[in-house]
Amino acid sequence: MRSLPLPLLLLGAVLLVAAMLPEGAAAKWTAVNPNGGVVQQVGRFAVIVYDLAHRAGLTYVGVARGETEEAVGGGTIYRLVVAAATPDGSRAQYECLVWGVPASSLSTWKLRRFRKIAMA
């Protein structure tokens, strides 16, 4: 007898768990204090990672607003609006989406989205 490949087994397990959740059990976004220590660290992380990847010359200024959601499978998703300055001194706001596990090592954090939304 041949066994199913691991990806198919994992997909089946995810579908089974999703089917058992009650309707409307989707995670909900919760507003966060933009001045909180963890939120500031997440915002700084997003700007640094984006800048390292794109060499945009951005400098972190601060977090304007944000919210979190518990991620399926663990961790927390942070949806933040961060302010950053360019080398010429102009500022803009960026929406970023970061996934991570608070109090974990830096290697477990992921920048999922970073896009310009407005001039500050």
N, C-alpha and C. Protein backbone atom coordinates (compact mmCIF):
# COMPACT_ATOMS: atom_id res chain seq x y z
N MET A 1 0.83 -1.18 0.00
CA MET A 1 0.00 0.00 0.00
C MET A 1 0.88 1.25 0.00
N ARG A 2 0.52 2.21 -0.82
CA ARG A 2 1.28 3.44 -0.94
C ARG A 2 0.68 4.52 -0.07
N SER A 3 1.50 5.29 0.63
CA SER A 3 0.98 6.35 1.50
C SER A 3 0.86 7.65 0.71
N LEU A 4 -0.02 8.52 1.20
CA LEU A 4 -0.21 9.82 0.56
C LEU A 4 0.99 10.71 0.83
N PRO A 5 1.35 11.55 -0.13
CA PRO A 5 2.46 12.48 0.11
C PRO A 5 2.10 13.45 1.25
N LEU A 6 3.12 13.89 1.96
CA LEU A 6 2.94 14.77 3.10
C LEU A 6 2.13 16.03 2.78
N PRO A 7 2.36 16.72 1.65
CA PRO A 7 1.54 17.92 1.37
C PRO A 7 0.05 17.63 1.30
N LEU A 8 -0.32 16.48 0.75
CA LEU A 8 -1.74 16.13 0.69
C LEU A 8 -2.31 15.85 2.07
N LEU A 9 -1.55 15.21 2.92
CA LEU A 9 -2.00 14.97 4.29
C LEU A 9 -2.18 16.28 5.04
N LEU A 10 -1.23 17.22 4.88
CA LEU A 10 -1.34 18.52 5.54
C LEU A 10 -2.55 19.30 5.03
N LEU A 11 -2.77 19.27 3.73
CA LEU A 11 -3.94 19.96 3.15
C LEU A 11 -5.22 19.38 3.72
N GLY A 12 -5.28 18.06 3.82
CA GLY A 12 -6.47 17.41 4.39
C GLY A 12 -6.69 17.82 5.84
N ALA A 13 -5.63 17.91 6.61
CA ALA A 13 -5.76 18.31 8.01
C ALA A 13 -6.25 19.75 8.12
N VAL A 14 -5.73 20.65 7.28
CA VAL A 14 -6.16 22.05 7.30
C VAL A 14 -7.64 22.15 6.93
N LEU A 15 -8.06 21.44 5.91
CA LEU A 15 -9.46 21.47 5.50
C LEU A 15 -10.38 20.90 6.58
N LEU A 16 -9.93 19.87 7.26
CA LEU A 16 -10.72 19.28 8.33
C LEU A 16 -10.90 20.27 9.48
N VAL A 17 -9.81 20.94 9.88
CA VAL A 17 -9.89 21.92 10.96
C VAL A 17 -10.79 23.09 10.54
N ALA A 18 -10.65 23.55 9.31
CA ALA A 18 -11.47 24.67 8.82
C ALA A 18 -12.95 24.29 8.81
N ALA A 19 -13.25 23.06 8.46
CA ALA A 19 -14.64 22.61 8.42
C ALA A 19 -15.24 22.53 9.82
N MET A 20 -14.41 22.31 10.84
CA MET A 20 -14.92 22.18 12.20
C MET A 20 -15.14 23.53 12.88
N LEU A 21 -14.57 24.61 12.33
CA LEU A 21 -14.75 25.93 12.93
C LEU A 21 -16.18 26.40 12.74
N PRO A 22 -16.78 27.02 13.75
CA PRO A 22 -18.12 27.55 13.57
C PRO A 22 -18.11 28.71 12.59
N GLU A 23 -19.25 28.92 11.95
CA GLU A 23 -19.37 30.02 11.00
C GLU A 23 -19.09 31.34 11.70
N GLY A 24 -18.37 32.23 11.04
CA GLY A 24 -18.06 33.52 11.62
C GLY A 24 -16.92 33.46 12.64
N ALA A 25 -16.18 32.35 12.65
CA ALA A 25 -15.10 32.21 13.63
C ALA A 25 -13.79 32.80 13.13
N ALA A 26 -13.87 33.59 12.07
CA ALA A 26 -12.66 34.19 11.53
C ALA A 26 -12.03 35.11 12.57
N ALA A 27 -10.73 35.19 12.51
CA ALA A 27 -10.02 36.06 13.44
C ALA A 27 -10.45 37.51 13.21
N LYS A 28 -10.36 38.31 14.25
CA LYS A 28 -10.77 39.70 14.16
C LYS A 28 -9.57 40.61 14.43
N TRP A 29 -9.53 41.71 13.69
CA TRP A 29 -8.48 42.70 13.88
C TRP A 29 -8.77 43.50 15.15
N THR A 30 -7.73 43.75 15.93
CA THR A 30 -7.84 44.51 17.17
C THR A 30 -6.87 45.69 17.11
N ALA A 31 -7.38 46.88 17.40
CA ALA A 31 -6.53 48.08 17.38
C ALA A 31 -5.44 47.97 18.43
N VAL A 32 -4.27 48.53 18.12
CA VAL A 32 -3.14 48.52 19.06
C VAL A 32 -2.70 49.95 19.33
N ASN A 33 -2.01 50.12 20.44
CA ASN A 33 -1.44 51.41 20.79
C ASN A 33 -0.20 51.61 19.91
N PRO A 34 -0.20 52.62 19.03
CA PRO A 34 0.95 52.81 18.14
C PRO A 34 2.23 53.17 18.87
N ASN A 35 2.14 53.58 20.13
CA ASN A 35 3.32 53.93 20.90
C ASN A 35 3.84 52.77 21.75
N GLY A 36 3.17 51.62 21.69
CA GLY A 36 3.60 50.45 22.46
C GLY A 36 4.96 49.96 21.99
N GLY A 37 5.73 49.40 22.91
CA GLY A 37 7.08 48.96 22.60
C GLY A 37 7.16 47.92 21.50
N VAL A 38 6.33 46.89 21.57
CA VAL A 38 6.36 45.83 20.56
C VAL A 38 5.93 46.38 19.21
N VAL A 39 4.90 47.21 19.20
CA VAL A 39 4.40 47.79 17.94
C VAL A 39 5.48 48.66 17.30
N GLN A 40 6.19 49.44 18.10
CA GLN A 40 7.29 50.27 17.58
C GLN A 40 8.40 49.38 16.99
N GLN A 41 8.70 48.28 17.66
CA GLN A 41 9.73 47.36 17.16
C GLN A 41 9.30 46.73 15.84
N VAL A 42 8.04 46.35 15.74
CA VAL A 42 7.54 45.74 14.51
C VAL A 42 7.60 46.75 13.36
N GLY A 43 7.20 48.00 13.63
CA GLY A 43 7.26 49.03 12.60
C GLY A 43 8.69 49.29 12.15
N ARG A 44 9.60 49.36 13.09
CA ARG A 44 11.03 49.57 12.77
C ARG A 44 11.55 48.39 11.95
N PHE A 45 11.18 47.17 12.34
CA PHE A 45 11.56 45.96 11.60
C PHE A 45 11.11 46.05 10.15
N ALA A 46 9.85 46.46 9.92
CA ALA A 46 9.31 46.53 8.57
C ALA A 46 10.11 47.50 7.70
N VAL A 47 10.41 48.68 8.23
CA VAL A 47 11.17 49.67 7.45
C VAL A 47 12.58 49.18 7.16
N ILE A 48 13.23 48.60 8.16
CA ILE A 48 14.60 48.11 7.96
C ILE A 48 14.65 46.99 6.93
N VAL A 49 13.75 46.02 7.03
CA VAL A 49 13.76 44.89 6.10
C VAL A 49 13.46 45.37 4.68
N TYR A 50 12.47 46.25 4.53
CA TYR A 50 12.16 46.78 3.20
C TYR A 50 13.37 47.54 2.64
N ASP A 51 13.97 48.38 3.47
CA ASP A 51 15.11 49.17 3.00
C ASP A 51 16.30 48.29 2.62
N LEU A 52 16.55 47.24 3.38
CA LEU A 52 17.65 46.33 3.04
C LEU A 52 17.40 45.63 1.70
N ALA A 53 16.15 45.29 1.43
CA ALA A 53 15.82 44.57 0.20
C ALA A 53 15.78 45.48 -1.02
N HIS A 54 15.38 46.75 -0.83
CA HIS A 54 15.15 47.63 -1.98
C HIS A 54 16.10 48.83 -2.03
N ARG A 55 16.94 48.99 -1.04
CA ARG A 55 17.90 50.09 -0.99
C ARG A 55 17.24 51.44 -1.28
N ALA A 56 16.13 51.67 -0.59
CA ALA A 56 15.34 52.88 -0.79
C ALA A 56 15.85 54.06 0.03
N GLY A 57 16.73 53.80 0.97
CA GLY A 57 17.25 54.88 1.81
C GLY A 57 16.25 55.37 2.83
N LEU A 58 15.30 54.52 3.22
CA LEU A 58 14.27 54.93 4.18
C LEU A 58 14.80 54.92 5.60
N THR A 59 14.31 55.85 6.39
CA THR A 59 14.62 55.92 7.81
C THR A 59 13.32 55.87 8.58
N TYR A 60 13.24 55.00 9.54
CA TYR A 60 12.03 54.84 10.36
C TYR A 60 11.75 56.13 11.14
N VAL A 61 10.46 56.55 11.11
CA VAL A 61 10.03 57.72 11.88
C VAL A 61 9.12 57.30 13.02
N GLY A 62 8.12 56.46 12.74
CA GLY A 62 7.21 56.01 13.79
C GLY A 62 6.02 55.27 13.23
N VAL A 63 5.17 54.80 14.13
CA VAL A 63 3.94 54.10 13.76
C VAL A 63 2.78 55.07 13.97
N ALA A 64 1.97 55.26 12.93
CA ALA A 64 0.82 56.15 13.02
C ALA A 64 -0.39 55.44 13.62
N ARG A 65 -0.63 54.22 13.19
CA ARG A 65 -1.76 53.42 13.70
C ARG A 65 -1.51 51.96 13.34
N GLY A 66 -2.29 51.10 13.96
CA GLY A 66 -2.10 49.69 13.65
C GLY A 66 -3.13 48.81 14.32
N GLU A 67 -3.11 47.56 13.90
CA GLU A 67 -4.00 46.55 14.47
C GLU A 67 -3.34 45.19 14.33
N THR A 68 -3.80 44.26 15.15
CA THR A 68 -3.25 42.91 15.12
C THR A 68 -4.37 41.89 14.96
N GLU A 69 -3.97 40.72 14.53
CA GLU A 69 -4.89 39.59 14.38
C GLU A 69 -4.10 38.33 14.68
N GLU A 70 -4.70 37.41 15.41
CA GLU A 70 -4.05 36.13 15.66
C GLU A 70 -4.03 35.34 14.36
N ALA A 71 -2.87 34.83 14.00
CA ALA A 71 -2.72 34.08 12.76
C ALA A 71 -3.15 32.64 12.96
N VAL A 72 -3.75 32.08 11.92
CA VAL A 72 -4.12 30.67 11.94
C VAL A 72 -2.82 29.87 12.01
N GLY A 73 -2.71 28.98 12.95
CA GLY A 73 -1.51 28.19 13.10
C GLY A 73 -0.49 28.79 14.05
N GLY A 74 -0.81 29.95 14.61
CA GLY A 74 0.09 30.56 15.59
C GLY A 74 0.71 31.85 15.10
N GLY A 75 1.16 32.63 16.03
CA GLY A 75 1.78 33.90 15.70
C GLY A 75 0.75 35.03 15.65
N THR A 76 1.24 36.20 15.33
CA THR A 76 0.41 37.39 15.27
C THR A 76 0.70 38.12 13.97
N ILE A 77 -0.35 38.63 13.35
CA ILE A 77 -0.20 39.46 12.15
C ILE A 77 -0.39 40.90 12.58
N TYR A 78 0.57 41.75 12.21
CA TYR A 78 0.51 43.18 12.51
C TYR A 78 0.25 43.93 11.21
N ARG A 79 -0.82 44.72 11.19
CA ARG A 79 -1.11 45.59 10.04
C ARG A 79 -0.91 47.01 10.55
N LEU A 80 0.18 47.64 10.11
CA LEU A 80 0.57 48.94 10.63
C LEU A 80 0.68 49.97 9.51
N VAL A 81 0.47 51.22 9.89
CA VAL A 81 0.81 52.34 9.02
C VAL A 81 2.01 53.01 9.68
N VAL A 82 3.14 52.96 8.97
CA VAL A 82 4.38 53.52 9.51
C VAL A 82 4.78 54.74 8.69
N ALA A 83 5.45 55.67 9.35
CA ALA A 83 6.01 56.84 8.68
C ALA A 83 7.50 56.60 8.51
N ALA A 84 8.01 56.96 7.34
CA ALA A 84 9.44 56.82 7.06
C ALA A 84 9.90 58.03 6.26
N ALA A 85 11.16 58.39 6.43
CA ALA A 85 11.74 59.52 5.72
C ALA A 85 12.70 59.01 4.66
N THR A 86 12.75 59.73 3.54
CA THR A 86 13.68 59.41 2.46
C THR A 86 14.95 60.24 2.65
N PRO A 87 16.01 59.93 1.90
CA PRO A 87 17.26 60.69 2.07
C PRO A 87 17.11 62.20 1.86
N ASP A 88 16.16 62.63 1.03
CA ASP A 88 15.98 64.07 0.81
C ASP A 88 15.16 64.74 1.92
N GLY A 89 14.73 63.96 2.90
CA GLY A 89 14.00 64.51 4.04
C GLY A 89 12.49 64.45 3.93
N SER A 90 11.98 64.09 2.75
CA SER A 90 10.52 63.99 2.62
C SER A 90 10.03 62.75 3.37
N ARG A 91 8.81 62.84 3.85
CA ARG A 91 8.23 61.73 4.61
C ARG A 91 7.02 61.18 3.89
N ALA A 92 6.78 59.89 4.08
CA ALA A 92 5.61 59.24 3.52
C ALA A 92 5.13 58.18 4.50
N GLN A 93 3.87 57.78 4.31
CA GLN A 93 3.32 56.70 5.12
C GLN A 93 3.24 55.44 4.27
N TYR A 94 3.47 54.32 4.94
CA TYR A 94 3.48 53.02 4.28
C TYR A 94 2.62 52.06 5.08
N GLU A 95 1.84 51.27 4.36
CA GLU A 95 1.10 50.20 5.03
C GLU A 95 1.97 48.96 4.99
N CYS A 96 2.13 48.33 6.13
CA CYS A 96 2.93 47.11 6.16
C CYS A 96 2.16 46.00 6.88
N LEU A 97 2.46 44.80 6.47
CA LEU A 97 1.87 43.61 7.07
C LEU A 97 3.03 42.73 7.50
N VAL A 98 3.10 42.45 8.79
CA VAL A 98 4.21 41.68 9.35
C VAL A 98 3.63 40.52 10.14
N TRP A 99 4.20 39.34 9.94
CA TRP A 99 3.82 38.17 10.73
C TRP A 99 4.99 37.82 11.65
N GLY A 100 4.66 37.48 12.88
CA GLY A 100 5.70 37.06 13.80
C GLY A 100 5.15 36.51 15.09
N VAL A 101 6.03 36.00 15.89
CA VAL A 101 5.69 35.47 17.20
C VAL A 101 6.37 36.36 18.23
N PRO A 102 5.60 37.15 18.99
CA PRO A 102 6.22 38.03 19.98
C PRO A 102 7.16 37.26 20.90
N ALA A 103 8.29 37.87 21.23
CA ALA A 103 9.33 37.31 22.09
C ALA A 103 10.10 36.16 21.43
N SER A 104 9.98 36.01 20.11
CA SER A 104 10.75 34.98 19.42
C SER A 104 11.97 35.61 18.76
N SER A 105 12.80 34.77 18.16
CA SER A 105 14.00 35.28 17.50
C SER A 105 13.63 36.02 16.23
N LEU A 106 14.52 36.89 15.81
CA LEU A 106 14.27 37.72 14.63
C LEU A 106 14.06 36.89 13.38
N SER A 107 14.67 35.73 13.29
CA SER A 107 14.57 34.90 12.08
C SER A 107 13.16 34.36 11.84
N THR A 108 12.30 34.42 12.85
CA THR A 108 10.94 33.91 12.65
C THR A 108 9.98 34.98 12.13
N TRP A 109 10.40 36.23 12.07
CA TRP A 109 9.53 37.33 11.62
C TRP A 109 9.58 37.47 10.11
N LYS A 110 8.42 37.80 9.51
CA LYS A 110 8.33 37.93 8.06
C LYS A 110 7.61 39.22 7.68
N LEU A 111 8.19 39.98 6.76
CA LEU A 111 7.53 41.15 6.19
C LEU A 111 6.74 40.67 4.99
N ARG A 112 5.42 40.77 5.06
CA ARG A 112 4.56 40.25 4.00
C ARG A 112 4.16 41.32 2.98
N ARG A 113 4.06 42.58 3.43
CA ARG A 113 3.67 43.64 2.50
C ARG A 113 4.23 44.96 3.01
N PHE A 114 4.61 45.82 2.06
CA PHE A 114 5.09 47.15 2.40
C PHE A 114 4.80 48.01 1.20
N ARG A 115 3.84 48.91 1.33
CA ARG A 115 3.49 49.74 0.19
C ARG A 115 3.18 51.17 0.62
N LYS A 116 3.55 52.10 -0.22
CA LYS A 116 3.34 53.51 0.05
C LYS A 116 1.86 53.83 -0.07
N ILE A 117 1.34 54.57 0.92
CA ILE A 117 -0.08 54.93 0.85
C ILE A 117 -0.32 56.43 0.83
N ALA A 118 0.63 57.24 1.35
CA ALA A 118 0.40 58.69 1.37
C ALA A 118 1.69 59.41 1.72
N MET A 119 1.75 60.66 1.30
CA MET A 119 2.84 61.53 1.73
C MET A 119 2.47 62.06 3.11
N ALA A 120 3.42 62.12 4.01
CA ALA A 120 3.14 62.59 5.37
C ALA A 120 3.29 64.08 5.48
